[in-house]
Amino acid sequence: MNFWLILRIIFLIFLIILGSFFFIVFVILRIIRRYYKFPIPGFMTRLIDNPIRRRFIQKPNRIAERMRLEPGMIVVEIGPGKGSYTKAVAEKVLPNGKVYAIDIQESVINRLKRRIKKEDISNIVPKIDDAFNLSFENKSVDRIFAIACLPEIPDPVKALKEFHRILKPSGIISLSELFPDPDYPRRKTEKKWAEIAGFELDEEFGNWFVYQLNFKKKLIH
């Protein structure tokens, strides 16, 4: 048998085994995360926020463009990870706008602080904060966004109600989810959470694999 053919067969078998392994791990993680919510460890953000995801799937600039950002806006990001999306949003609210990147894990915040210092970014403010009790005044924020983060929170509706409190009447909350995430919720699930918290759908983008939903506060008649 041809040597290259044998090599190709071996490589194909390897890919099948590898794919099966990751599928099993994915299923197990989804089961665990369904019943036991906990923050994604800081080191895992390096795997989740990878170049393939940023270049081909959840592009930071595209996510930011869909949020209809304007210079001078005050933005809050929930769960900044490595800061790729934080940076894209921060660039669009210059010169006077700011992005407050919040997380409950000190390791995530410290890593982001090192990055913005290294890259000399002046309008990103990393801070530890509680999604259920945010340190922002009522109706003081123009935009809130979370990339594959809201489902990690033990009570998403409670968090959304807190976002509702700090969001301006004309503000937007933007949520984006990715199917490989163990906490991935279907669109209708996230829409239901938002509706209960007092939001209504403004725009939606993407498909079942990766989507982005923009919500605004419900109008009171």
Protein backbone atom coordinates (compact mmCIF):
# COMPACT_ATOMS: atom_id res chain seq x y z
CA MET A 1 0.00 0.00 0.00
CA ASN A 2 1.20 3.53 -0.82
CA PHE A 3 3.04 5.14 2.12
CA TRP A 4 1.20 8.46 1.75
CA LEU A 5 -2.16 6.71 1.66
CA ILE A 6 -1.33 4.92 4.92
CA LEU A 7 -0.26 8.22 6.43
CA ARG A 8 -3.50 9.87 5.35
CA ILE A 9 -5.56 7.04 6.86
CA ILE A 10 -3.66 7.29 10.15
CA PHE A 11 -4.17 11.06 10.18
CA LEU A 12 -7.89 10.64 9.47
CA ILE A 13 -8.24 8.13 12.31
CA PHE A 14 -6.40 10.55 14.60
CA LEU A 15 -8.80 13.36 13.69
CA ILE A 16 -11.83 11.12 14.33
CA ILE A 17 -10.48 10.10 17.74
CA LEU A 18 -9.61 13.69 18.62
CA GLY A 19 -13.01 14.95 17.48
CA SER A 20 -14.78 12.23 19.47
CA PHE A 21 -12.76 13.14 22.56
CA PHE A 22 -13.64 16.82 22.36
CA PHE A 23 -17.29 15.99 21.71
CA ILE A 24 -17.45 13.80 24.82
CA VAL A 25 -15.71 16.48 26.91
CA PHE A 26 -18.12 19.10 25.54
CA VAL A 27 -21.17 17.02 26.47
CA ILE A 28 -19.82 16.31 29.95
CA LEU A 29 -19.05 20.00 30.53
CA ARG A 30 -22.54 21.02 29.42
CA ILE A 31 -24.10 18.57 31.87
CA ILE A 32 -21.89 19.78 34.73
CA ARG A 33 -22.44 23.45 33.96
CA ARG A 34 -26.18 23.00 33.76
CA TYR A 35 -26.37 21.99 37.41
CA TYR A 36 -23.31 23.69 38.85
CA LYS A 37 -22.47 27.25 37.82
CA PHE A 38 -19.00 28.60 38.50
CA PRO A 39 -16.78 31.23 36.86
CA ILE A 40 -14.58 30.01 34.01
CA PRO A 41 -11.01 29.80 35.43
CA GLY A 42 -8.80 32.68 34.31
CA PHE A 43 -6.40 30.41 32.38
CA MET A 44 -9.31 29.02 30.34
CA THR A 45 -9.96 32.44 28.80
CA ARG A 46 -6.70 32.02 26.86
CA LEU A 47 -8.11 28.91 25.19
CA ILE A 48 -11.59 30.33 24.63
CA ASP A 49 -10.39 33.69 23.28
CA ASN A 50 -8.21 32.27 20.52
CA PRO A 51 -7.15 33.74 17.13
CA ILE A 52 -9.49 31.46 15.14
CA ARG A 53 -12.50 32.64 17.12
CA ARG A 54 -11.54 36.31 16.83
CA ARG A 55 -10.67 36.16 13.12
CA PHE A 56 -13.43 33.97 11.73
CA ILE A 57 -16.28 33.49 14.22
CA GLN A 58 -16.82 36.27 16.78
CA LYS A 59 -14.90 39.16 15.26
CA PRO A 60 -14.30 41.94 17.83
CA ASN A 61 -14.78 44.78 15.33
CA ARG A 62 -18.01 43.30 14.00
CA ILE A 63 -19.35 42.82 17.52
CA ALA A 64 -18.50 46.45 18.30
CA GLU A 65 -20.02 47.81 15.08
CA ARG A 66 -23.35 46.14 15.82
CA MET A 67 -23.57 47.98 19.14
CA ARG A 68 -23.97 51.36 17.41
CA LEU A 69 -21.32 52.99 19.53
CA GLU A 70 -20.58 56.70 19.51
CA PRO A 71 -17.67 58.81 20.82
CA GLY A 72 -18.06 59.74 24.47
CA MET A 73 -20.24 56.79 25.49
CA ILE A 74 -19.89 55.01 28.82
CA VAL A 75 -19.80 51.24 28.31
CA VAL A 76 -19.74 48.35 30.77
CA GLU A 77 -18.43 44.95 29.74
CA ILE A 78 -19.28 41.87 31.78
CA GLY A 79 -16.43 39.33 31.78
CA PRO A 80 -13.67 40.88 29.62
CA GLY A 81 -11.45 37.81 29.34
CA LYS A 82 -8.24 38.76 27.54
CA GLY A 83 -9.68 42.12 26.51
CA SER A 84 -9.93 41.63 22.73
CA TYR A 85 -13.54 42.80 22.60
CA THR A 86 -12.91 45.42 25.29
CA LYS A 87 -10.25 47.01 23.10
CA ALA A 88 -12.41 47.01 19.96
CA VAL A 89 -15.24 48.76 21.81
CA ALA A 90 -12.90 51.21 23.55
CA GLU A 91 -11.54 52.40 20.20
CA LYS A 92 -15.03 53.30 19.00
CA VAL A 93 -15.93 55.50 21.99
CA LEU A 94 -12.80 57.66 21.81
CA PRO A 95 -11.87 60.37 22.57
CA ASN A 96 -13.94 60.88 25.72
CA GLY A 97 -15.74 57.56 26.16
CA LYS A 98 -14.78 54.83 28.61
CA VAL A 99 -15.18 51.07 28.90
CA TYR A 100 -15.48 49.64 32.40
CA ALA A 101 -14.41 45.99 32.15
CA ILE A 102 -15.73 44.13 35.17
CA ASP A 103 -15.16 40.62 36.50
CA ILE A 104 -15.31 38.86 39.85
CA GLN A 105 -11.92 37.20 39.35
CA GLU A 106 -8.87 39.20 40.36
CA SER A 107 -6.63 37.21 38.02
CA VAL A 108 -8.68 38.28 34.98
CA ILE A 109 -8.65 41.94 36.04
CA ASN A 110 -4.91 41.94 36.79
CA ARG A 111 -4.09 40.40 33.41
CA LEU A 112 -6.21 43.01 31.65
CA LYS A 113 -4.49 45.79 33.61
CA ARG A 114 -1.11 44.53 32.40
CA ARG A 115 -2.33 44.48 28.83
CA ILE A 116 -3.72 48.01 28.77
CA LYS A 117 -0.57 49.29 30.44
CA LYS A 118 1.61 47.53 27.87
CA GLU A 119 -0.50 48.81 24.96
CA ASP A 120 -0.98 52.26 26.54
CA ILE A 121 -4.79 52.21 26.35
CA SER A 122 -6.21 55.09 28.34
CA ASN A 123 -9.99 54.57 28.23
CA ILE A 124 -10.37 51.03 29.62
CA VAL A 125 -11.01 50.73 33.36
CA PRO A 126 -10.70 47.15 34.67
CA LYS A 127 -12.41 46.60 38.01
CA ILE A 128 -13.73 43.85 40.23
CA ASP A 129 -17.48 44.17 40.59
CA ASP A 130 -20.58 42.16 41.39
CA ALA A 131 -23.05 41.61 38.52
CA PHE A 132 -25.88 41.51 41.07
CA ASN A 133 -24.88 44.77 42.74
CA LEU A 134 -22.94 46.96 40.30
CA SER A 135 -21.14 50.07 41.50
CA PHE A 136 -22.79 52.36 38.94
CA GLU A 137 -25.53 54.94 39.40
CA ASN A 138 -29.04 54.42 38.05
CA LYS A 139 -29.39 55.16 34.33
CA SER A 140 -25.71 56.10 33.97
CA VAL A 141 -24.48 53.72 31.25
CA ASP A 142 -24.95 53.91 27.46
CA ARG A 143 -24.07 50.33 26.55
CA ILE A 144 -23.59 47.02 28.33
CA PHE A 145 -22.18 43.97 26.60
CA ALA A 146 -21.24 40.40 27.46
CA ILE A 147 -19.52 37.94 25.15
CA ALA A 148 -20.25 34.31 26.09
CA CYS A 149 -20.48 35.36 29.72
CA LEU A 150 -24.07 35.91 30.87
CA PRO A 151 -24.93 32.15 31.00
CA GLU A 152 -22.01 31.63 33.42
CA ILE A 153 -23.79 33.76 36.00
CA PRO A 154 -25.87 31.59 38.39
CA ASP A 155 -28.98 33.80 38.00
CA PRO A 156 -28.92 35.51 34.57
CA VAL A 157 -32.30 37.20 35.06
CA LYS A 158 -31.20 38.78 38.33
CA ALA A 159 -28.06 40.08 36.63
CA LEU A 160 -30.10 41.45 33.71
CA LYS A 161 -32.36 43.31 36.13
CA GLU A 162 -29.27 44.97 37.59
CA PHE A 163 -28.12 45.87 34.07
CA HIS A 164 -31.57 47.37 33.51
CA ARG A 165 -31.07 49.59 36.58
CA ILE A 166 -27.82 51.18 35.38
CA LEU A 167 -28.71 51.42 31.67
CA LYS A 168 -29.92 54.73 30.29
CA PRO A 169 -33.44 54.79 28.75
CA SER A 170 -31.85 55.02 25.29
CA GLY A 171 -29.17 52.44 26.08
CA ILE A 172 -28.52 49.02 24.58
CA ILE A 173 -27.43 45.74 26.09
CA SER A 174 -25.66 43.45 23.62
CA LEU A 175 -25.23 39.71 24.22
CA SER A 176 -23.27 37.32 22.03
CA GLU A 177 -23.03 33.54 22.40
CA LEU A 178 -21.01 30.79 20.74
CA PHE A 179 -22.18 27.17 20.40
CA PRO A 180 -18.93 25.48 21.58
CA ASP A 181 -19.26 27.30 24.92
CA PRO A 182 -20.40 24.74 27.55
CA ASP A 183 -22.93 27.32 28.82
CA TYR A 184 -24.34 28.14 25.37
CA PRO A 185 -28.07 29.05 25.58
CA ARG A 186 -30.44 29.04 22.62
CA ARG A 187 -31.61 32.42 21.33
CA LYS A 188 -35.11 31.98 22.68
CA THR A 189 -33.72 31.26 26.14
CA GLU A 190 -31.71 34.47 26.24
CA LYS A 191 -34.63 36.43 24.80
CA LYS A 192 -36.86 35.05 27.56
CA TRP A 193 -34.35 36.07 30.25
CA ALA A 194 -34.18 39.58 28.81
CA GLU A 195 -37.96 39.93 28.55
CA ILE A 196 -38.44 38.94 32.19
CA ALA A 197 -35.82 41.54 33.18
CA GLY A 198 -37.68 44.34 31.36
CA PHE A 199 -35.99 44.39 27.95
CA GLU A 200 -37.28 43.97 24.41
CA LEU A 201 -35.38 42.80 21.35
CA ASP A 202 -33.94 45.59 19.21
CA GLU A 203 -31.76 43.72 16.69
CA GLU A 204 -30.40 40.22 16.19
CA PHE A 205 -27.52 38.87 14.13
CA GLY A 206 -25.92 35.53 13.28
CA ASN A 207 -27.20 31.98 13.35
CA TRP A 208 -27.53 28.97 15.66
CA PHE A 209 -23.74 28.58 15.92
CA VAL A 210 -22.91 32.15 16.87
CA TYR A 211 -25.34 35.00 17.45
CA GLN A 212 -25.59 38.51 18.84
CA LEU A 213 -28.72 40.03 20.36
CA ASN A 214 -29.25 43.73 21.09
CA PHE A 215 -31.91 44.65 23.64
CA LYS A 216 -33.38 47.95 24.76
CA LYS A 217 -35.58 48.83 27.70
CA LYS A 218 -39.28 48.14 27.20
CA LEU A 219 -41.34 51.21 26.51
CA ILE A 220 -43.79 52.05 29.29
CA HIS A 221 -47.12 53.13 27.83
